[in-house]
Amino acid sequence: MKVVVLVSGGGSNLQALIDGQQDGSLPIEIAAVISNRPGVKGLDRARDNGISAELLDHKNFDSRDDFDASLMNLIDSFDAELIVLAGFMRILTPQFTGHYVGRMLNIHPSLLPKYQGLHTHQRALDAADSEHGVSVHFVTAELDGGPIAIQARVPVLLDDDANSLAKRVQAQEHVIYPLAVKWFALQRLTMKDNLAVLDNKVLPNNGYQIDTSV
């Protein structure tokens, strides 16, 4: 399955997908990596692995609509069957999300619907949550609000700060994002009627659950 990955930064989740492609565990071809920011490590990861690395700097566009239209044309030039957002720090227009509805995934470092947006680890600590985690969801027009495919839960430890908690959450990101992409590529994971469906069974609102004591 042809995949295009969108990044804005380091691309550690991109690397997990590249690793899966190379070791044969993921039945995908990463056709291109696209960044809206120049000079990011995600583009270097693509080049280092022989993947087309494309820069589309959002600062060169007069409006969000213009940027999204150009991004859509670029993605479609690679015949992408799945679009994977891997730390892509842009709010997307409804026209863009609608064009790729049911075939675009995002990863978000919280147990959605908790803590949409930024600074999720600190917010979990500030709320004295006993657990935190990460979610992979289908992208819709609602920010961090599409149907959830899978979540991994991690305990919040007494001595955690935002950095230590983030590291343990990120370790689970690298497990569940390739898993969700694999399910999609094998046509086991789909989105129907704004619901996430795995093996023809509607998933609960919080998706497939993985608990970890990492």
C-alpha atoms as a PDB file:
ATOM      1  CA  MET A   1       0.000   0.000   0.000  1.00  0.00           C
ATOM      2  CA  LYS A   2       1.377   3.397  -0.974  1.00  0.00           C
ATOM      3  CA  VAL A   3       1.720   5.711   2.016  1.00  0.00           C
ATOM      4  CA  VAL A   4       2.595   9.390   2.273  1.00  0.00           C
ATOM      5  CA  VAL A   5       3.830  10.594   5.665  1.00  0.00           C
ATOM      6  CA  LEU A   6       3.463  14.232   6.767  1.00  0.00           C
ATOM      7  CA  VAL A   7       5.927  15.592   9.328  1.00  0.00           C
ATOM      8  CA  SER A   8       6.861  18.892  10.931  1.00  0.00           C
ATOM      9  CA  GLY A   9       9.806  17.793  13.063  1.00  0.00           C
ATOM     10  CA  GLY A  10      12.055  14.915  14.037  1.00  0.00           C
ATOM     11  CA  GLY A  11       9.905  12.109  12.722  1.00  0.00           C
ATOM     12  CA  SER A  12      10.529   9.369  15.287  1.00  0.00           C
ATOM     13  CA  ASN A  13       7.213   7.751  14.364  1.00  0.00           C
ATOM     14  CA  LEU A  14       8.226   8.043  10.718  1.00  0.00           C
ATOM     15  CA  GLN A  15      11.364   6.072  11.595  1.00  0.00           C
ATOM     16  CA  ALA A  16       9.257   3.345  13.198  1.00  0.00           C
ATOM     17  CA  LEU A  17       7.308   3.059   9.925  1.00  0.00           C
ATOM     18  CA  ILE A  18      10.497   3.044   7.842  1.00  0.00           C
ATOM     19  CA  ASP A  19      11.892   0.279  10.055  1.00  0.00           C
ATOM     20  CA  GLY A  20       8.713  -1.744   9.596  1.00  0.00           C
ATOM     21  CA  GLN A  21       8.808  -1.295   5.842  1.00  0.00           C
ATOM     22  CA  GLN A  22      12.434  -2.379   5.677  1.00  0.00           C
ATOM     23  CA  ASP A  23      12.132  -5.441   7.918  1.00  0.00           C
ATOM     24  CA  GLY A  24       9.024  -6.629   6.084  1.00  0.00           C
ATOM     25  CA  SER A  25       6.632  -6.353   9.017  1.00  0.00           C
ATOM     26  CA  LEU A  26       4.670  -3.556   7.329  1.00  0.00           C
ATOM     27  CA  PRO A  27       3.160  -4.246   3.884  1.00  0.00           C
ATOM     28  CA  ILE A  28       3.603  -0.637   2.775  1.00  0.00           C
ATOM     29  CA  GLU A  29       5.650   1.523   0.443  1.00  0.00           C
ATOM     30  CA  ILE A  30       6.379   4.971   1.849  1.00  0.00           C
ATOM     31  CA  ALA A  31       6.140   6.885  -1.411  1.00  0.00           C
ATOM     32  CA  ALA A  32       7.037  10.276   0.052  1.00  0.00           C
ATOM     33  CA  VAL A  33       7.631  12.246   3.217  1.00  0.00           C
ATOM     34  CA  ILE A  34       6.328  15.821   3.144  1.00  0.00           C
ATOM     35  CA  SER A  35       7.201  18.554   5.641  1.00  0.00           C
ATOM     36  CA  ASN A  36       5.746  22.019   6.059  1.00  0.00           C
ATOM     37  CA  ARG A  37       8.969  23.137   7.742  1.00  0.00           C
ATOM     38  CA  PRO A  38      12.459  23.258   6.214  1.00  0.00           C
ATOM     39  CA  GLY A  39      15.493  21.584   7.739  1.00  0.00           C
ATOM     40  CA  VAL A  40      13.691  19.063   9.923  1.00  0.00           C
ATOM     41  CA  LYS A  41      15.118  15.661  10.768  1.00  0.00           C
ATOM     42  CA  GLY A  42      12.071  13.921   9.326  1.00  0.00           C
ATOM     43  CA  LEU A  43      13.182  14.952   5.829  1.00  0.00           C
ATOM     44  CA  ASP A  44      16.699  13.712   6.561  1.00  0.00           C
ATOM     45  CA  ARG A  45      15.285  10.346   7.647  1.00  0.00           C
ATOM     46  CA  ALA A  46      13.482  10.087   4.305  1.00  0.00           C
ATOM     47  CA  ARG A  47      16.565  10.979   2.243  1.00  0.00           C
ATOM     48  CA  ASP A  48      18.759   8.614   4.246  1.00  0.00           C
ATOM     49  CA  ASN A  49      16.406   5.774   3.349  1.00  0.00           C
ATOM     50  CA  GLY A  50      15.909   6.585  -0.315  1.00  0.00           C
ATOM     51  CA  ILE A  51      12.410   8.006   0.132  1.00  0.00           C
ATOM     52  CA  SER A  52      11.255  11.104  -1.723  1.00  0.00           C
ATOM     53  CA  ALA A  53      11.602  14.072   0.683  1.00  0.00           C
ATOM     54  CA  GLU A  54       9.347  17.012  -0.184  1.00  0.00           C
ATOM     55  CA  LEU A  55       9.232  20.472   1.394  1.00  0.00           C
ATOM     56  CA  LEU A  56       6.081  22.544   1.164  1.00  0.00           C
ATOM     57  CA  ASP A  57       6.720  25.517   3.446  1.00  0.00           C
ATOM     58  CA  HIS A  58       3.432  26.870   4.773  1.00  0.00           C
ATOM     59  CA  LYS A  59       5.031  30.294   5.171  1.00  0.00           C
ATOM     60  CA  ASN A  60       5.085  30.640   1.383  1.00  0.00           C
ATOM     61  CA  PHE A  61       1.292  30.616   1.156  1.00  0.00           C
ATOM     62  CA  ASP A  62      -1.144  33.465   1.708  1.00  0.00           C
ATOM     63  CA  SER A  63      -3.829  31.332   3.335  1.00  0.00           C
ATOM     64  CA  ARG A  64      -4.476  27.989   4.959  1.00  0.00           C
ATOM     65  CA  ASP A  65      -6.769  27.086   2.056  1.00  0.00           C
ATOM     66  CA  ASP A  66      -4.019  27.743  -0.497  1.00  0.00           C
ATOM     67  CA  PHE A  67      -1.502  25.652   1.430  1.00  0.00           C
ATOM     68  CA  ASP A  68      -3.898  22.757   1.872  1.00  0.00           C
ATOM     69  CA  ALA A  69      -4.824  22.806  -1.821  1.00  0.00           C
ATOM     70  CA  SER A  70      -1.159  22.592  -2.809  1.00  0.00           C
ATOM     71  CA  LEU A  71      -0.503  19.895  -0.218  1.00  0.00           C
ATOM     72  CA  MET A  72      -3.427  17.884  -1.560  1.00  0.00           C
ATOM     73  CA  ASN A  73      -2.068  18.100  -5.113  1.00  0.00           C
ATOM     74  CA  LEU A  74       1.378  17.011  -3.936  1.00  0.00           C
ATOM     75  CA  ILE A  75       0.042  14.047  -1.966  1.00  0.00           C
ATOM     76  CA  ASP A  76      -2.148  12.935  -4.851  1.00  0.00           C
ATOM     77  CA  SER A  77       0.803  13.034  -7.246  1.00  0.00           C
ATOM     78  CA  PHE A  78       2.184  10.034  -5.335  1.00  0.00           C
ATOM     79  CA  ASP A  79      -1.059   8.009  -5.659  1.00  0.00           C
ATOM     80  CA  ALA A  80      -1.239   7.697  -1.882  1.00  0.00           C
ATOM     81  CA  GLU A  81      -3.710   5.176  -0.494  1.00  0.00           C
ATOM     82  CA  LEU A  82      -3.020   6.160   3.118  1.00  0.00           C
ATOM     83  CA  ILE A  83      -1.872   9.469   4.593  1.00  0.00           C
ATOM     84  CA  VAL A  84      -0.080   9.254   7.925  1.00  0.00           C
ATOM     85  CA  LEU A  85       0.362  12.346  10.093  1.00  0.00           C
ATOM     86  CA  ALA A  86       3.525  11.895  12.163  1.00  0.00           C
ATOM     87  CA  GLY A  87       3.951  15.042  14.188  1.00  0.00           C
ATOM     88  CA  PHE A  88       2.418  17.237  11.492  1.00  0.00           C
ATOM     89  CA  MET A  89       1.714  20.477  13.327  1.00  0.00           C
ATOM     90  CA  ARG A  90      -0.953  22.000  11.141  1.00  0.00           C
ATOM     91  CA  ILE A  91      -4.683  22.449  11.624  1.00  0.00           C
ATOM     92  CA  LEU A  92      -6.179  21.115   8.412  1.00  0.00           C
ATOM     93  CA  THR A  93      -9.151  22.594   6.570  1.00  0.00           C
ATOM     94  CA  PRO A  94     -12.421  20.654   6.256  1.00  0.00           C
ATOM     95  CA  GLN A  95     -11.868  20.506   2.490  1.00  0.00           C
ATOM     96  CA  PHE A  96      -8.563  18.712   3.045  1.00  0.00           C
ATOM     97  CA  THR A  97      -9.801  16.283   5.680  1.00  0.00           C
ATOM     98  CA  GLY A  98     -12.892  15.568   3.612  1.00  0.00           C
ATOM     99  CA  HIS A  99     -10.785  14.669   0.584  1.00  0.00           C
ATOM    100  CA  TYR A 100      -8.976  11.968   2.571  1.00  0.00           C
ATOM    101  CA  VAL A 101     -11.752  10.882   4.903  1.00  0.00           C
ATOM    102  CA  GLY A 102     -11.310   7.267   5.970  1.00  0.00           C
ATOM    103  CA  ARG A 103      -7.715   7.059   4.731  1.00  0.00           C
ATOM    104  CA  MET A 104      -5.791   9.460   6.944  1.00  0.00           C
ATOM    105  CA  LEU A 105      -4.436   8.573  10.390  1.00  0.00           C
ATOM    106  CA  ASN A 106      -2.993  10.715  13.157  1.00  0.00           C
ATOM    107  CA  ILE A 107      -1.260   9.944  16.428  1.00  0.00           C
ATOM    108  CA  HIS A 108      -1.922  12.076  19.495  1.00  0.00           C
ATOM    109  CA  PRO A 109      -0.098  11.832  22.839  1.00  0.00           C
ATOM    110  CA  SER A 110      -3.079  11.495  25.156  1.00  0.00           C
ATOM    111  CA  LEU A 111      -5.955   9.171  25.878  1.00  0.00           C
ATOM    112  CA  LEU A 112      -8.431  10.963  23.672  1.00  0.00           C
ATOM    113  CA  PRO A 113     -10.867  12.587  24.107  1.00  0.00           C
ATOM    114  CA  LYS A 114      -8.741  13.880  26.996  1.00  0.00           C
ATOM    115  CA  TYR A 115      -6.254  16.646  26.267  1.00  0.00           C
ATOM    116  CA  GLN A 116      -6.809  17.554  22.676  1.00  0.00           C
ATOM    117  CA  GLY A 117      -4.225  20.017  21.415  1.00  0.00           C
ATOM    118  CA  LEU A 118      -0.803  20.701  22.922  1.00  0.00           C
ATOM    119  CA  HIS A 119       1.132  20.129  26.180  1.00  0.00           C
ATOM    120  CA  THR A 120      -0.684  16.887  26.897  1.00  0.00           C
ATOM    121  CA  HIS A 121       1.890  15.379  29.275  1.00  0.00           C
ATOM    122  CA  GLN A 122       1.976  18.385  31.559  1.00  0.00           C
ATOM    123  CA  ARG A 123      -1.786  18.614  31.520  1.00  0.00           C
ATOM    124  CA  ALA A 124      -2.059  14.983  32.623  1.00  0.00           C
ATOM    125  CA  LEU A 125       0.370  15.682  35.463  1.00  0.00           C
ATOM    126  CA  ASP A 126      -1.445  18.866  36.475  1.00  0.00           C
ATOM    127  CA  ALA A 127      -4.689  16.897  36.676  1.00  0.00           C
ATOM    128  CA  ALA A 128      -3.004  14.250  38.872  1.00  0.00           C
ATOM    129  CA  ASP A 129      -4.079  11.529  36.456  1.00  0.00           C
ATOM    130  CA  SER A 130      -3.078   7.993  37.414  1.00  0.00           C
ATOM    131  CA  GLU A 131      -2.661   7.009  33.770  1.00  0.00           C
ATOM    132  CA  HIS A 132      -1.798   8.681  30.499  1.00  0.00           C
ATOM    133  CA  GLY A 133      -1.116   7.388  27.018  1.00  0.00           C
ATOM    134  CA  VAL A 134      -1.418   7.761  23.286  1.00  0.00           C
ATOM    135  CA  SER A 135      -4.135   7.389  20.654  1.00  0.00           C
ATOM    136  CA  VAL A 136      -4.164   6.646  16.931  1.00  0.00           C
ATOM    137  CA  HIS A 137      -7.283   7.963  15.249  1.00  0.00           C
ATOM    138  CA  PHE A 138      -8.778   8.621  11.862  1.00  0.00           C
ATOM    139  CA  VAL A 139      -8.598  12.284  10.886  1.00  0.00           C
ATOM    140  CA  THR A 140     -11.817  14.242  10.483  1.00  0.00           C
ATOM    141  CA  ALA A 141     -12.584  17.945  10.417  1.00  0.00           C
ATOM    142  CA  GLU A 142     -12.723  17.968  14.227  1.00  0.00           C
ATOM    143  CA  LEU A 143      -9.289  18.603  15.758  1.00  0.00           C
ATOM    144  CA  ASP A 144      -8.043  15.356  17.369  1.00  0.00           C
ATOM    145  CA  GLY A 145     -11.631  14.200  17.232  1.00  0.00           C
ATOM    146  CA  GLY A 146     -11.903  11.423  14.654  1.00  0.00           C
ATOM    147  CA  PRO A 147     -12.756   7.800  15.478  1.00  0.00           C
ATOM    148  CA  ILE A 148     -10.095   6.180  17.655  1.00  0.00           C
ATOM    149  CA  ALA A 149      -8.463   3.022  16.303  1.00  0.00           C
ATOM    150  CA  ILE A 150      -6.103   2.101  19.141  1.00  0.00           C
ATOM    151  CA  GLN A 151      -4.814   3.430  22.458  1.00  0.00           C
ATOM    152  CA  ALA A 152      -1.895   2.467  24.662  1.00  0.00           C
ATOM    153  CA  ARG A 153      -2.124   3.337  28.340  1.00  0.00           C
ATOM    154  CA  VAL A 154       0.848   4.015  30.587  1.00  0.00           C
ATOM    155  CA  PRO A 155       0.813   4.622  34.344  1.00  0.00           C
ATOM    156  CA  VAL A 156       1.780   8.033  35.671  1.00  0.00           C
ATOM    157  CA  LEU A 157       4.557   7.492  38.206  1.00  0.00           C
ATOM    158  CA  LEU A 158       5.006   9.520  41.385  1.00  0.00           C
ATOM    159  CA  ASP A 159       8.339  10.949  40.240  1.00  0.00           C
ATOM    160  CA  ASP A 160       7.259  11.697  36.662  1.00  0.00           C
ATOM    161  CA  ASP A 161       7.798  15.049  35.055  1.00  0.00           C
ATOM    162  CA  ALA A 162       6.606  15.975  31.566  1.00  0.00           C
ATOM    163  CA  ASN A 163       9.831  14.748  29.955  1.00  0.00           C
ATOM    164  CA  SER A 164       9.949  11.344  31.626  1.00  0.00           C
ATOM    165  CA  LEU A 165       6.272  10.765  30.960  1.00  0.00           C
ATOM    166  CA  ALA A 166       6.681  11.826  27.333  1.00  0.00           C
ATOM    167  CA  LYS A 167       9.511   9.334  26.801  1.00  0.00           C
ATOM    168  CA  ARG A 168       7.434   6.415  28.050  1.00  0.00           C
ATOM    169  CA  VAL A 169       4.452   7.496  25.997  1.00  0.00           C
ATOM    170  CA  GLN A 170       6.636   7.871  22.899  1.00  0.00           C
ATOM    171  CA  ALA A 171       7.893   4.308  23.308  1.00  0.00           C
ATOM    172  CA  GLN A 172       4.289   3.151  22.969  1.00  0.00           C
ATOM    173  CA  GLU A 173       3.731   5.431  19.984  1.00  0.00           C
ATOM    174  CA  HIS A 174       6.349   3.426  18.124  1.00  0.00           C
ATOM    175  CA  VAL A 175       4.393   0.248  18.883  1.00  0.00           C
ATOM    176  CA  ILE A 176       0.819   1.224  18.147  1.00  0.00           C
ATOM    177  CA  TYR A 177       1.283   3.475  15.103  1.00  0.00           C
ATOM    178  CA  PRO A 178       2.924   0.771  12.970  1.00  0.00           C
ATOM    179  CA  LEU A 179       0.264  -1.649  14.218  1.00  0.00           C
ATOM    180  CA  ALA A 180      -2.576   0.634  13.120  1.00  0.00           C
ATOM    181  CA  VAL A 181      -0.904   1.222   9.748  1.00  0.00           C
ATOM    182  CA  LYS A 182      -0.463  -2.534   9.295  1.00  0.00           C
ATOM    183  CA  TRP A 183      -4.129  -3.158  10.092  1.00  0.00           C
ATOM    184  CA  PHE A 184      -5.144  -0.520   7.559  1.00  0.00           C
ATOM    185  CA  ALA A 185      -2.807  -1.840   4.865  1.00  0.00           C
ATOM    186  CA  LEU A 186      -4.225  -5.343   5.362  1.00  0.00           C
ATOM    187  CA  GLN A 187      -7.758  -3.882   5.115  1.00  0.00           C
ATOM    188  CA  ARG A 188      -8.520  -5.010   8.651  1.00  0.00           C
ATOM    189  CA  LEU A 189      -8.969  -1.429   9.916  1.00  0.00           C
ATOM    190  CA  THR A 190     -11.498   0.839   8.240  1.00  0.00           C
ATOM    191  CA  MET A 191     -13.692   3.827   9.004  1.00  0.00           C
ATOM    192  CA  LYS A 192     -17.413   3.436   8.377  1.00  0.00           C
ATOM    193  CA  ASP A 193     -20.164   5.868   9.359  1.00  0.00           C
ATOM    194  CA  ASN A 194     -17.648   7.833  11.445  1.00  0.00           C
ATOM    195  CA  LEU A 195     -16.750   4.722  13.429  1.00  0.00           C
ATOM    196  CA  ALA A 196     -13.494   2.757  13.580  1.00  0.00           C
ATOM    197  CA  VAL A 197     -13.984  -0.851  12.503  1.00  0.00           C
ATOM    198  CA  LEU A 198     -11.488  -3.680  13.079  1.00  0.00           C
ATOM    199  CA  ASP A 199     -12.060  -7.099  11.518  1.00  0.00           C
ATOM    200  CA  ASN A 200     -15.636  -6.064  10.663  1.00  0.00           C
ATOM    201  CA  LYS A 201     -16.425  -5.223  14.288  1.00  0.00           C
ATOM    202  CA  VAL A 202     -17.086  -1.679  15.456  1.00  0.00           C
ATOM    203  CA  LEU A 203     -14.474  -0.654  18.005  1.00  0.00           C
ATOM    204  CA  PRO A 204     -15.492   1.046  21.260  1.00  0.00           C
ATOM    205  CA  ASN A 205     -15.212   4.817  21.423  1.00  0.00           C
ATOM    206  CA  ASN A 206     -11.721   4.571  22.901  1.00  0.00           C
ATOM    207  CA  GLY A 207     -10.547   2.048  20.305  1.00  0.00           C
ATOM    208  CA  TYR A 208      -8.559  -1.141  20.736  1.00  0.00           C
ATOM    209  CA  GLN A 209      -6.849  -0.998  24.117  1.00  0.00           C
ATOM    210  CA  ILE A 210      -3.277  -1.841  25.037  1.00  0.00           C
ATOM    211  CA  ASP A 211      -2.278  -1.569  28.688  1.00  0.00           C
ATOM    212  CA  THR A 212       1.376  -1.386  29.612  1.00  0.00           C
ATOM    213  CA  SER A 213       3.406  -1.028  32.753  1.00  0.00           C
ATOM    214  CA  VAL A 214       6.381   0.417  30.864  1.00  0.00           C
END
